[in-house]
Amino acid sequence: MVREISRPSTARCTLPMYMGYLLSEPNSPSCLHLSEVMSVSHDSANRFLQRETYSPRDLFNEVKAGLNLKGGVLSVDDSVLDKPYSYKMAFVEHFWSGKHHRTVKGINLVTLYYSDIEGRHQPVNYRIVDKTEGKTKNEYFREMLAEVLAWGLEPAYITRDSWYSGVSNLKEVRHHHLGFLFALESNRLISVETGTWTQIQKLDISEEGREVWLRGFGMVKVFRTSLKDQVRHYAVYLPDSEAFSSFGRDRFLLLISILQRIKPVKPVDDTLRLTGKTVIEDINYNRVYIGRIPVTEVAALMRSHGDRLLERNIRRYLGLHGNRVNEAIRNTLYSHHSSNFYFLNNGLTLVCNDFSYNALQSSDYHVKVENLQIVNGGQTA
């Protein structure tokens, strides 16, 4: 990434020292702890981190060479990095979390994510929400959109969920002569007859969509579909009138499928509660942790994270019913032989980017894992 040097470095803390510290302390790194273990001052660590700054333009310049900048799909999303125990950290505020379905304490990151016509995708712009600026996430989105267009990005569509489908955002996209596909809340008002408004959920919509007047915006074509067992409504707008009129179900489903492919899957970070003794080995520069995990713990993981745990499992689509092996696993769990499940089952193989535990314990470890995936044992899970 291009680095903008803000001042010459006079810090004793160096890049190799800082990287070595991060590798050895994956859980709770801090300048104070670095100064203690690396024998440098806290101020030295701070001076090193303040030596250079990064901007959203640096990110765009880094990724643009690997993308076709014309004709793709630009999507906006935001996520909250939980910081429940931080009291004096910059940007830590209370934000609504889709993961927790409640307000949590953390850092809120708004990202523009671009997928080109050849299937490659990268983040191209970002903002860290700073409440002292007094801006909403929608205002950040409009700023970021104008920036990437000025930098040379030429998307065909802008898209996202209903949080960003406010009239101001839709008009901003139209102002830039771009098309959009945005989700709408079921109570959004539309009109098919002058002077008559109705909620979109009460409207008859054919498979090929329906042209309606969206209140506060103008003419759009609306579609209804089901996603994750929920009825969803989408509004489509295209600046070209002929393309707008001919936009039908096939193109809508194609665009939806692209959006589902490019949507980043949020990593699974959790704590595994093991029982009894464990075995730890280093094999080909990878650390392997072997232990026992209760069935109830596996069930809790699946309830919390669902199919996100199985993104890298090639047998995830076999399903429970109609599959002989899966039905046998289920029958054993529900039978009076359930105590034999440990001996009959092949177990789970889980991979993660990093894990940590209290090495001073002798058994019953609580293992913190980052980006957890079940690569073998999906049927059991």
Protein backbone atom coordinates (compact mmCIF):
# COMPACT_ATOMS: atom_id res chain seq x y z
CA MET A 1 0.00 0.00 0.00
CA VAL A 2 1.17 3.53 -0.74
CA ARG A 3 2.31 5.15 2.47
CA GLU A 4 2.21 8.86 3.18
CA ILE A 5 5.10 9.68 5.51
CA SER A 6 3.89 12.31 7.94
CA ARG A 7 7.25 12.88 9.68
CA PRO A 8 10.72 11.30 9.83
CA SER A 9 10.91 8.48 12.33
CA THR A 10 12.97 8.95 15.45
CA ALA A 11 11.34 6.09 17.36
CA ARG A 12 13.36 3.18 18.72
CA CYS A 13 10.38 1.00 17.88
CA THR A 14 10.89 -0.40 14.36
CA LEU A 15 8.69 -2.20 11.85
CA PRO A 16 10.29 -5.66 12.44
CA MET A 17 9.92 -5.13 16.20
CA TYR A 18 6.26 -4.13 15.84
CA MET A 19 5.43 -7.03 13.50
CA GLY A 20 7.17 -9.51 15.80
CA TYR A 21 5.15 -8.22 18.73
CA LEU A 22 1.82 -8.55 16.85
CA LEU A 23 2.70 -12.13 15.86
CA SER A 24 3.48 -13.06 19.45
CA GLU A 25 0.49 -11.26 21.00
CA PRO A 26 -2.63 -11.91 18.88
CA ASN A 27 -5.20 -11.29 21.60
CA SER A 28 -4.82 -7.89 23.25
CA PRO A 29 -1.93 -5.92 21.75
CA SER A 30 -1.26 -2.45 23.11
CA CYS A 31 1.55 0.08 23.13
CA LEU A 32 1.92 -0.34 26.87
CA HIS A 33 2.38 -4.09 26.61
CA LEU A 34 4.76 -3.70 23.65
CA SER A 35 6.93 -1.33 25.68
CA GLU A 36 7.08 -3.84 28.52
CA VAL A 37 8.08 -6.89 26.47
CA MET A 38 10.30 -5.16 23.86
CA SER A 39 12.18 -2.85 26.27
CA VAL A 40 11.22 0.37 24.53
CA SER A 41 9.25 3.30 25.86
CA HIS A 42 5.50 3.67 25.44
CA ASP A 43 6.13 6.99 23.66
CA SER A 44 8.48 5.26 21.22
CA ALA A 45 5.73 2.87 20.18
CA ASN A 46 3.32 5.78 19.78
CA ARG A 47 5.80 7.76 17.65
CA PHE A 48 6.30 4.74 15.40
CA LEU A 49 2.55 4.36 14.81
CA GLN A 50 2.12 8.08 14.14
CA ARG A 51 4.97 8.20 11.62
CA GLU A 52 2.76 7.42 8.63
CA THR A 53 -0.91 7.77 7.79
CA TYR A 54 -3.20 5.95 5.35
CA SER A 55 -6.14 7.34 3.44
CA PRO A 56 -9.02 5.68 1.55
CA ARG A 57 -7.34 6.76 -1.70
CA ASP A 58 -4.33 4.60 -0.75
CA LEU A 59 -6.64 1.58 -0.54
CA PHE A 60 -8.16 2.34 -3.96
CA ASN A 61 -4.75 2.80 -5.58
CA GLU A 62 -3.62 -0.52 -4.13
CA VAL A 63 -6.53 -2.60 -5.51
CA LYS A 64 -7.45 -0.87 -8.77
CA ALA A 65 -4.76 -2.60 -10.85
CA GLY A 66 -6.47 -5.95 -10.26
CA LEU A 67 -9.97 -4.78 -11.18
CA ASN A 68 -11.92 -3.86 -14.30
CA LEU A 69 -13.15 -0.46 -13.19
CA LYS A 70 -16.02 -0.28 -15.69
CA GLY A 71 -19.42 -1.97 -15.58
CA GLY A 72 -19.33 -3.71 -12.20
CA VAL A 73 -21.44 -3.61 -9.05
CA LEU A 74 -20.69 -1.28 -6.14
CA SER A 75 -22.13 -2.22 -2.76
CA VAL A 76 -22.10 -0.40 0.57
CA ASP A 77 -22.03 -2.11 3.95
CA ASP A 78 -21.00 -1.37 7.50
CA SER A 79 -19.83 -3.50 10.40
CA VAL A 80 -19.02 -2.99 14.06
CA LEU A 81 -15.80 -4.22 15.64
CA ASP A 82 -16.77 -5.00 19.23
CA LYS A 83 -14.81 -3.09 21.88
CA PRO A 84 -16.84 -3.71 25.06
CA TYR A 85 -13.96 -2.99 27.46
CA SER A 86 -12.51 0.12 25.81
CA TYR A 87 -13.02 3.44 27.58
CA LYS A 88 -10.52 5.88 26.08
CA MET A 89 -9.94 4.47 22.58
CA ALA A 90 -10.61 6.74 19.61
CA PHE A 91 -13.80 6.11 17.56
CA VAL A 92 -15.28 3.72 20.15
CA GLU A 93 -18.97 4.55 20.52
CA HIS A 94 -22.30 2.75 20.76
CA PHE A 95 -23.64 1.48 17.42
CA TRP A 96 -26.37 -0.84 16.27
CA SER A 97 -24.93 -4.31 15.50
CA GLY A 98 -26.58 -6.62 12.99
CA LYS A 99 -24.57 -9.47 14.46
CA HIS A 100 -25.88 -8.98 17.99
CA HIS A 101 -29.21 -7.38 16.99
CA ARG A 102 -28.72 -4.67 19.59
CA THR A 103 -26.61 -1.61 20.32
CA VAL A 104 -23.02 -2.50 21.22
CA LYS A 105 -19.83 -0.65 22.03
CA GLY A 106 -17.26 -0.69 19.26
CA ILE A 107 -15.76 0.87 16.12
CA ASN A 108 -18.08 1.26 13.14
CA LEU A 109 -16.55 0.80 9.67
CA VAL A 110 -18.44 1.74 6.48
CA THR A 111 -17.06 0.11 3.33
CA LEU A 112 -17.67 0.37 -0.42
CA TYR A 113 -17.16 -3.06 -1.97
CA TYR A 114 -16.76 -3.43 -5.75
CA SER A 115 -17.22 -6.52 -7.92
CA ASP A 116 -16.13 -6.25 -11.54
CA ILE A 117 -17.68 -7.98 -14.56
CA GLU A 118 -15.04 -10.71 -14.40
CA GLY A 119 -15.97 -11.74 -10.86
CA ARG A 120 -13.11 -10.10 -8.99
CA HIS A 121 -14.01 -8.05 -5.94
CA GLN A 122 -12.25 -5.74 -3.51
CA PRO A 123 -13.03 -2.96 -1.03
CA VAL A 124 -12.43 0.39 -2.73
CA ASN A 125 -13.29 2.99 -0.10
CA TYR A 126 -13.99 3.20 3.63
CA ARG A 127 -14.83 5.44 6.54
CA ILE A 128 -14.38 4.95 10.26
CA VAL A 129 -17.50 6.51 11.76
CA ASP A 130 -16.52 9.48 13.93
CA LYS A 131 -19.54 10.76 15.83
CA THR A 132 -17.76 14.05 16.57
CA GLU A 133 -18.16 14.87 12.85
CA GLY A 134 -21.93 14.74 13.23
CA LYS A 135 -22.40 12.71 10.04
CA THR A 136 -24.71 9.77 9.46
CA LYS A 137 -23.69 6.55 7.72
CA ASN A 138 -25.80 7.66 4.74
CA GLU A 139 -23.81 10.88 4.49
CA TYR A 140 -20.59 8.90 4.60
CA PHE A 141 -21.93 6.68 1.80
CA ARG A 142 -22.69 9.65 -0.44
CA GLU A 143 -19.23 11.13 0.18
CA MET A 144 -17.53 7.80 -0.56
CA LEU A 145 -19.56 7.29 -3.74
CA ALA A 146 -18.55 10.70 -5.11
CA GLU A 147 -14.91 9.95 -4.29
CA VAL A 148 -14.63 6.60 -6.09
CA LEU A 149 -16.35 8.05 -9.15
CA ALA A 150 -13.82 10.89 -9.17
CA TRP A 151 -11.01 8.34 -8.85
CA GLY A 152 -12.10 6.58 -12.06
CA LEU A 153 -14.54 3.86 -10.99
CA GLU A 154 -17.46 3.39 -13.41
CA PRO A 155 -19.93 0.93 -11.87
CA ALA A 156 -23.15 -0.04 -13.63
CA TYR A 157 -25.13 -0.57 -10.43
CA ILE A 158 -25.12 0.64 -6.85
CA THR A 159 -26.76 -1.68 -4.38
CA ARG A 160 -27.36 -2.49 -0.73
CA ASP A 161 -29.98 -3.31 1.87
CA SER A 162 -32.88 -1.16 3.04
CA TRP A 163 -30.77 0.76 5.59
CA TYR A 164 -29.22 2.73 2.70
CA SER A 165 -32.35 3.00 0.52
CA GLY A 166 -33.42 6.43 1.77
CA VAL A 167 -34.64 8.94 -0.81
CA SER A 168 -31.51 11.11 -0.47
CA ASN A 169 -29.26 8.17 -1.34
CA LEU A 170 -31.42 7.11 -4.29
CA LYS A 171 -31.45 10.64 -5.69
CA GLU A 172 -27.67 10.88 -5.27
CA VAL A 173 -27.19 7.72 -7.33
CA ARG A 174 -29.53 9.06 -10.01
CA HIS A 175 -27.63 12.37 -9.99
CA HIS A 176 -24.50 10.44 -11.01
CA HIS A 177 -26.42 8.78 -13.88
CA LEU A 178 -26.02 5.31 -12.36
CA GLY A 179 -28.42 2.42 -11.96
CA PHE A 180 -29.30 0.91 -8.62
CA LEU A 181 -30.85 -2.09 -6.96
CA PHE A 182 -31.79 -1.40 -3.34
CA ALA A 183 -33.83 -3.41 -0.89
CA LEU A 184 -36.97 -1.70 0.42
CA GLU A 185 -38.73 -2.09 3.73
CA SER A 186 -42.14 -3.74 3.42
CA ASN A 187 -43.92 -0.53 4.48
CA ARG A 188 -42.38 1.76 1.83
CA LEU A 189 -45.12 3.67 0.03
CA ILE A 190 -45.58 3.30 -3.72
CA SER A 191 -48.25 4.38 -6.16
CA VAL A 192 -49.71 2.80 -9.29
CA GLU A 193 -52.54 5.34 -9.56
CA THR A 194 -52.24 9.08 -9.19
CA GLY A 195 -53.05 10.17 -5.64
CA THR A 196 -53.21 6.64 -4.21
CA TRP A 197 -50.42 5.31 -2.01
CA THR A 198 -50.02 1.76 -0.71
CA GLN A 199 -47.37 -0.25 1.12
CA ILE A 200 -45.23 -2.34 -1.19
CA GLN A 201 -46.01 -5.50 0.79
CA LYS A 202 -49.69 -5.17 -0.23
CA LEU A 203 -48.98 -4.76 -3.94
CA ASP A 204 -49.42 -7.51 -6.52
CA ILE A 205 -46.05 -7.92 -8.23
CA SER A 206 -45.52 -10.25 -11.18
CA GLU A 207 -42.42 -12.36 -11.72
CA GLU A 208 -41.20 -9.81 -14.25
CA GLY A 209 -41.52 -6.95 -11.78
CA ARG A 210 -43.81 -3.95 -11.82
CA GLU A 211 -43.25 -0.30 -12.64
CA VAL A 212 -44.44 1.94 -9.82
CA TRP A 213 -43.90 5.43 -8.45
CA LEU A 214 -41.75 5.38 -5.32
CA ARG A 215 -42.77 8.13 -2.94
CA GLY A 216 -40.27 10.96 -2.86
CA PHE A 217 -38.18 9.57 -5.73
CA GLY A 218 -40.04 8.70 -8.92
CA MET A 219 -40.43 5.74 -11.25
CA VAL A 220 -38.78 2.43 -10.31
CA LYS A 221 -39.39 -1.23 -11.07
CA VAL A 222 -40.06 -3.38 -8.01
CA PHE A 223 -39.49 -7.10 -7.50
CA ARG A 224 -40.43 -9.54 -4.77
CA THR A 225 -38.35 -12.56 -3.80
CA SER A 226 -37.58 -14.80 -0.83
CA LEU A 227 -34.18 -14.83 0.82
CA LYS A 228 -33.37 -16.76 4.00
CA ASP A 229 -37.09 -17.63 4.38
CA GLN A 230 -38.02 -13.94 4.36
CA VAL A 231 -39.97 -12.02 1.75
CA ARG A 232 -37.79 -9.24 0.34
CA HIS A 233 -38.66 -6.30 -1.89
CA TYR A 234 -36.23 -4.57 -4.23
CA ALA A 235 -36.38 -1.41 -6.32
CA VAL A 236 -34.50 -1.12 -9.61
CA TYR A 237 -33.66 2.08 -11.43
CA LEU A 238 -31.73 2.55 -14.68
CA PRO A 239 -30.93 5.92 -16.30
CA ASP A 240 -31.52 4.43 -19.78
CA SER A 241 -35.27 4.23 -20.37
CA GLU A 242 -35.07 1.32 -22.84
CA ALA A 243 -32.86 -0.74 -20.51
CA PHE A 244 -35.21 0.10 -17.64
CA SER A 245 -38.30 -1.10 -19.54
CA SER A 246 -36.63 -4.35 -20.63
CA PHE A 247 -35.20 -5.16 -17.19
CA GLY A 248 -36.94 -8.41 -16.20
CA ARG A 249 -36.79 -11.36 -13.82
CA ASP A 250 -33.74 -12.99 -15.41
CA ARG A 251 -31.56 -9.91 -15.06
CA PHE A 252 -32.89 -9.30 -11.56
CA LEU A 253 -31.99 -12.82 -10.40
CA LEU A 254 -28.59 -12.59 -12.08
CA LEU A 255 -27.85 -9.37 -10.20
CA ILE A 256 -29.08 -10.85 -6.91
CA SER A 257 -26.83 -13.89 -7.41
CA ILE A 258 -23.84 -11.63 -8.03
CA LEU A 259 -24.60 -9.70 -4.87
CA GLN A 260 -24.77 -12.88 -2.82
CA ARG A 261 -21.41 -14.03 -4.18
CA ILE A 262 -19.62 -10.76 -3.52
CA LYS A 263 -21.10 -10.18 -0.08
CA PRO A 264 -18.26 -10.70 2.38
CA VAL A 265 -18.93 -13.49 4.85
CA LYS A 266 -18.28 -12.20 8.32
CA PRO A 267 -15.67 -14.35 10.06
CA VAL A 268 -16.66 -16.53 12.99
CA ASP A 269 -14.85 -15.54 16.18
CA ASP A 270 -15.85 -17.46 19.29
CA THR A 271 -14.65 -19.45 22.29
CA LEU A 272 -14.56 -23.28 22.28
CA ARG A 273 -15.08 -24.90 25.67
CA LEU A 274 -13.23 -28.21 25.67
CA THR A 275 -13.30 -30.94 28.29
CA GLY A 276 -10.48 -33.04 29.69
CA LYS A 277 -6.86 -33.16 28.52
CA THR A 278 -5.60 -31.97 25.14
CA VAL A 279 -2.71 -32.60 22.77
CA ILE A 280 -0.85 -29.74 21.07
CA GLU A 281 1.57 -30.32 18.18
CA ASP A 282 3.40 -28.22 15.60
CA ILE A 283 3.17 -29.76 12.11
CA ASN A 284 4.67 -28.03 9.04
CA TYR A 285 4.66 -24.63 10.77
CA ASN A 286 1.00 -25.07 11.77
CA ARG A 287 -0.12 -25.54 15.34
CA VAL A 288 -2.58 -28.42 15.84
CA TYR A 289 -4.82 -28.62 18.90
CA ILE A 290 -6.58 -31.95 19.61
CA GLY A 291 -9.25 -32.23 22.29
CA ARG A 292 -12.81 -33.17 23.18
CA ILE A 293 -15.75 -30.84 22.72
CA PRO A 294 -19.26 -31.60 24.05
CA VAL A 295 -22.07 -32.13 21.54
CA THR A 296 -23.99 -29.34 23.26
CA GLU A 297 -21.10 -26.98 22.53
CA VAL A 298 -21.20 -27.87 18.83
CA ALA A 299 -24.96 -27.29 18.81
CA ALA A 300 -24.48 -23.88 20.43
CA LEU A 301 -21.92 -22.94 17.77
CA MET A 302 -24.32 -23.85 14.98
CA ARG A 303 -27.16 -21.94 16.60
CA SER A 304 -24.98 -18.86 16.89
CA HIS A 305 -23.29 -18.91 13.49
CA GLY A 306 -25.20 -21.32 11.22
CA ASP A 307 -23.86 -21.96 7.75
CA ARG A 308 -21.11 -19.36 8.17
CA LEU A 309 -19.20 -22.16 9.93
CA LEU A 310 -19.44 -24.35 6.80
CA GLU A 311 -18.34 -21.98 4.04
CA ARG A 312 -15.23 -24.10 3.40
CA ASN A 313 -16.97 -27.47 3.80
CA ILE A 314 -17.60 -29.09 0.42
CA ARG A 315 -20.37 -31.36 1.78
CA ARG A 316 -22.42 -28.61 3.41
CA TYR A 317 -25.35 -29.05 1.00
CA LEU A 318 -26.04 -32.75 1.72
CA GLY A 319 -28.74 -31.84 4.23
CA LEU A 320 -30.16 -33.84 7.12
CA HIS A 321 -33.16 -35.56 5.61
CA GLY A 322 -32.84 -38.09 2.80
CA ASN A 323 -29.18 -38.73 3.52
CA ARG A 324 -28.38 -42.13 5.04
CA VAL A 325 -25.28 -41.06 6.97
CA ASN A 326 -26.86 -37.92 8.41
CA GLU A 327 -29.98 -39.79 9.49
CA ALA A 328 -27.83 -42.43 11.22
CA ILE A 329 -25.99 -39.71 13.13
CA ARG A 330 -29.27 -38.19 14.22
CA ASN A 331 -30.76 -41.55 15.23
CA THR A 332 -27.75 -42.33 17.42
CA LEU A 333 -28.06 -39.01 19.22
CA TYR A 334 -31.74 -39.60 19.95
CA SER A 335 -31.40 -43.28 20.93
CA HIS A 336 -30.53 -44.87 24.28
CA HIS A 337 -27.05 -45.50 22.77
CA SER A 338 -26.24 -41.78 22.71
CA SER A 339 -23.45 -42.33 25.25
CA ASN A 340 -21.58 -44.23 22.49
CA PHE A 341 -21.63 -41.26 20.13
CA TYR A 342 -18.07 -40.26 21.10
CA PHE A 343 -16.73 -43.67 20.00
CA LEU A 344 -18.82 -43.97 16.81
CA ASN A 345 -18.22 -40.48 15.42
CA ASN A 346 -15.13 -39.50 13.44
CA GLY A 347 -15.08 -36.08 15.07
CA LEU A 348 -14.68 -32.57 13.64
CA THR A 349 -11.80 -30.90 11.88
CA LEU A 350 -11.80 -27.16 12.47
CA VAL A 351 -9.41 -24.59 11.08
CA CYS A 352 -8.90 -20.98 12.11
CA ASN A 353 -6.58 -18.07 11.52
CA ASP A 354 -5.48 -18.01 15.13
CA PHE A 355 -6.30 -19.52 18.51
CA SER A 356 -5.23 -18.89 22.08
CA TYR A 357 -5.76 -20.46 25.48
CA ASN A 358 -4.51 -20.30 29.05
CA ALA A 359 -1.45 -22.57 29.02
CA LEU A 360 -1.33 -22.56 32.81
CA GLN A 361 -4.45 -24.71 32.98
CA SER A 362 -4.11 -28.48 33.03
CA SER A 363 -7.47 -29.36 31.43
CA ASP A 364 -10.91 -28.04 30.41
CA TYR A 365 -9.47 -25.29 28.23
CA HIS A 366 -11.41 -22.34 26.86
CA VAL A 367 -9.91 -21.74 23.41
CA LYS A 368 -10.46 -18.39 21.70
CA VAL A 369 -10.57 -18.82 17.91
CA GLU A 370 -10.56 -16.33 15.03
CA ASN A 371 -12.20 -17.02 11.65
CA LEU A 372 -13.32 -20.53 12.60
CA GLN A 373 -14.42 -23.00 9.90
CA ILE A 374 -15.56 -26.65 10.04
CA VAL A 375 -13.84 -28.31 7.06
CA ASN A 376 -14.62 -31.91 8.05
CA GLY A 377 -17.58 -32.97 10.15
CA GLY A 378 -20.24 -30.72 8.65
CA GLN A 379 -22.75 -33.57 8.71
CA THR A 380 -22.14 -34.04 12.43
CA ALA A 381 -22.47 -30.31 13.08
